[in-house]
Amino acid sequence: MAYVISDACISCGACADACPVNAITEGDGKYEINADTCIECGACADACPVDAPQN
């Protein structure tokens, strides 16, 4: 299952910078992951300071 960004997101952009397939974009109030593009690598979760990306 693709990662999903929780409401804990602080919109810092660390996850988007870490994503190797550019599946993460800035949404309304938090970043969002495109499930069709996500390769479930976990790079976003490793980069996030508040553990917002979850799978």
C-alpha atoms as a PDB file:
ATOM      1  CA  MET A   1       0.000   0.000   0.000  1.00  0.00           C
ATOM      2  CA  ALA A   2       1.289   3.470  -0.858  1.00  0.00           C
ATOM      3  CA  TYR A   3       2.311   5.842   1.894  1.00  0.00           C
ATOM      4  CA  VAL A   4      -0.203   8.454   3.079  1.00  0.00           C
ATOM      5  CA  ILE A   5       0.659  11.694   4.872  1.00  0.00           C
ATOM      6  CA  SER A   6      -1.215  12.176   8.130  1.00  0.00           C
ATOM      7  CA  ASP A   7      -2.540  15.394   9.639  1.00  0.00           C
ATOM      8  CA  ALA A   8       0.692  15.573  11.676  1.00  0.00           C
ATOM      9  CA  CYS A   9       2.323  17.103   8.562  1.00  0.00           C
ATOM     10  CA  ILE A  10       3.955  20.473   9.245  1.00  0.00           C
ATOM     11  CA  SER A  11       4.455  21.248   5.514  1.00  0.00           C
ATOM     12  CA  CYS A  12       8.243  21.420   5.756  1.00  0.00           C
ATOM     13  CA  GLY A  13       8.807  19.707   2.394  1.00  0.00           C
ATOM     14  CA  ALA A  14      11.429  17.233   3.623  1.00  0.00           C
ATOM     15  CA  CYS A  15       9.396  14.305   2.304  1.00  0.00           C
ATOM     16  CA  ALA A  16       9.034  15.800  -1.164  1.00  0.00           C
ATOM     17  CA  ASP A  17      12.772  16.453  -1.374  1.00  0.00           C
ATOM     18  CA  ALA A  18      13.505  12.848  -0.355  1.00  0.00           C
ATOM     19  CA  CYS A  19      11.067  11.149  -2.750  1.00  0.00           C
ATOM     20  CA  PRO A  20      13.012   9.495  -5.612  1.00  0.00           C
ATOM     21  CA  VAL A  21       9.975   9.353  -7.921  1.00  0.00           C
ATOM     22  CA  ASN A  22       8.501  12.815  -7.221  1.00  0.00           C
ATOM     23  CA  ALA A  23       5.239  11.342  -5.912  1.00  0.00           C
ATOM     24  CA  ILE A  24       4.801  14.051  -3.250  1.00  0.00           C
ATOM     25  CA  THR A  25       3.331  17.476  -3.855  1.00  0.00           C
ATOM     26  CA  GLU A  26       2.217  20.335  -1.642  1.00  0.00           C
ATOM     27  CA  GLY A  27      -1.500  20.137  -1.000  1.00  0.00           C
ATOM     28  CA  ASP A  28      -3.940  22.278   0.934  1.00  0.00           C
ATOM     29  CA  GLY A  29      -2.445  22.481   4.428  1.00  0.00           C
ATOM     30  CA  LYS A  30      -0.221  19.407   4.091  1.00  0.00           C
ATOM     31  CA  TYR A  31       1.768  17.465   1.539  1.00  0.00           C
ATOM     32  CA  GLU A  32       0.103  14.666  -0.442  1.00  0.00           C
ATOM     33  CA  ILE A  33       1.411  11.439  -1.962  1.00  0.00           C
ATOM     34  CA  ASN A  34       0.227  10.245  -5.363  1.00  0.00           C
ATOM     35  CA  ALA A  35      -0.597   6.588  -4.691  1.00  0.00           C
ATOM     36  CA  ASP A  36      -0.148   5.657  -8.356  1.00  0.00           C
ATOM     37  CA  THR A  37       3.416   6.989  -8.370  1.00  0.00           C
ATOM     38  CA  CYS A  38       4.561   5.936  -4.872  1.00  0.00           C
ATOM     39  CA  ILE A  39       6.970   2.974  -4.903  1.00  0.00           C
ATOM     40  CA  GLU A  40       6.678   2.397  -1.127  1.00  0.00           C
ATOM     41  CA  CYS A  41      10.409   2.924  -0.558  1.00  0.00           C
ATOM     42  CA  GLY A  42       9.999   4.740   2.773  1.00  0.00           C
ATOM     43  CA  ALA A  43      12.356   7.610   1.929  1.00  0.00           C
ATOM     44  CA  CYS A  44       9.647  10.116   2.845  1.00  0.00           C
ATOM     45  CA  ALA A  45       9.066   8.514   6.237  1.00  0.00           C
ATOM     46  CA  ASP A  46      12.798   8.504   6.964  1.00  0.00           C
ATOM     47  CA  ALA A  47      13.104  12.199   6.091  1.00  0.00           C
ATOM     48  CA  CYS A  48      10.038  13.447   7.972  1.00  0.00           C
ATOM     49  CA  PRO A  49      10.743  15.088  11.356  1.00  0.00           C
ATOM     50  CA  VAL A  50       7.197  14.389  12.651  1.00  0.00           C
ATOM     51  CA  ASP A  51       6.575  10.889  11.206  1.00  0.00           C
ATOM     52  CA  ALA A  52       3.665  12.076   9.070  1.00  0.00           C
ATOM     53  CA  PRO A  53       4.094   9.617   6.163  1.00  0.00           C
ATOM     54  CA  GLN A  54       2.506   6.297   7.140  1.00  0.00           C
ATOM     55  CA  ASN A  55       1.903   3.082   5.244  1.00  0.00           C
END
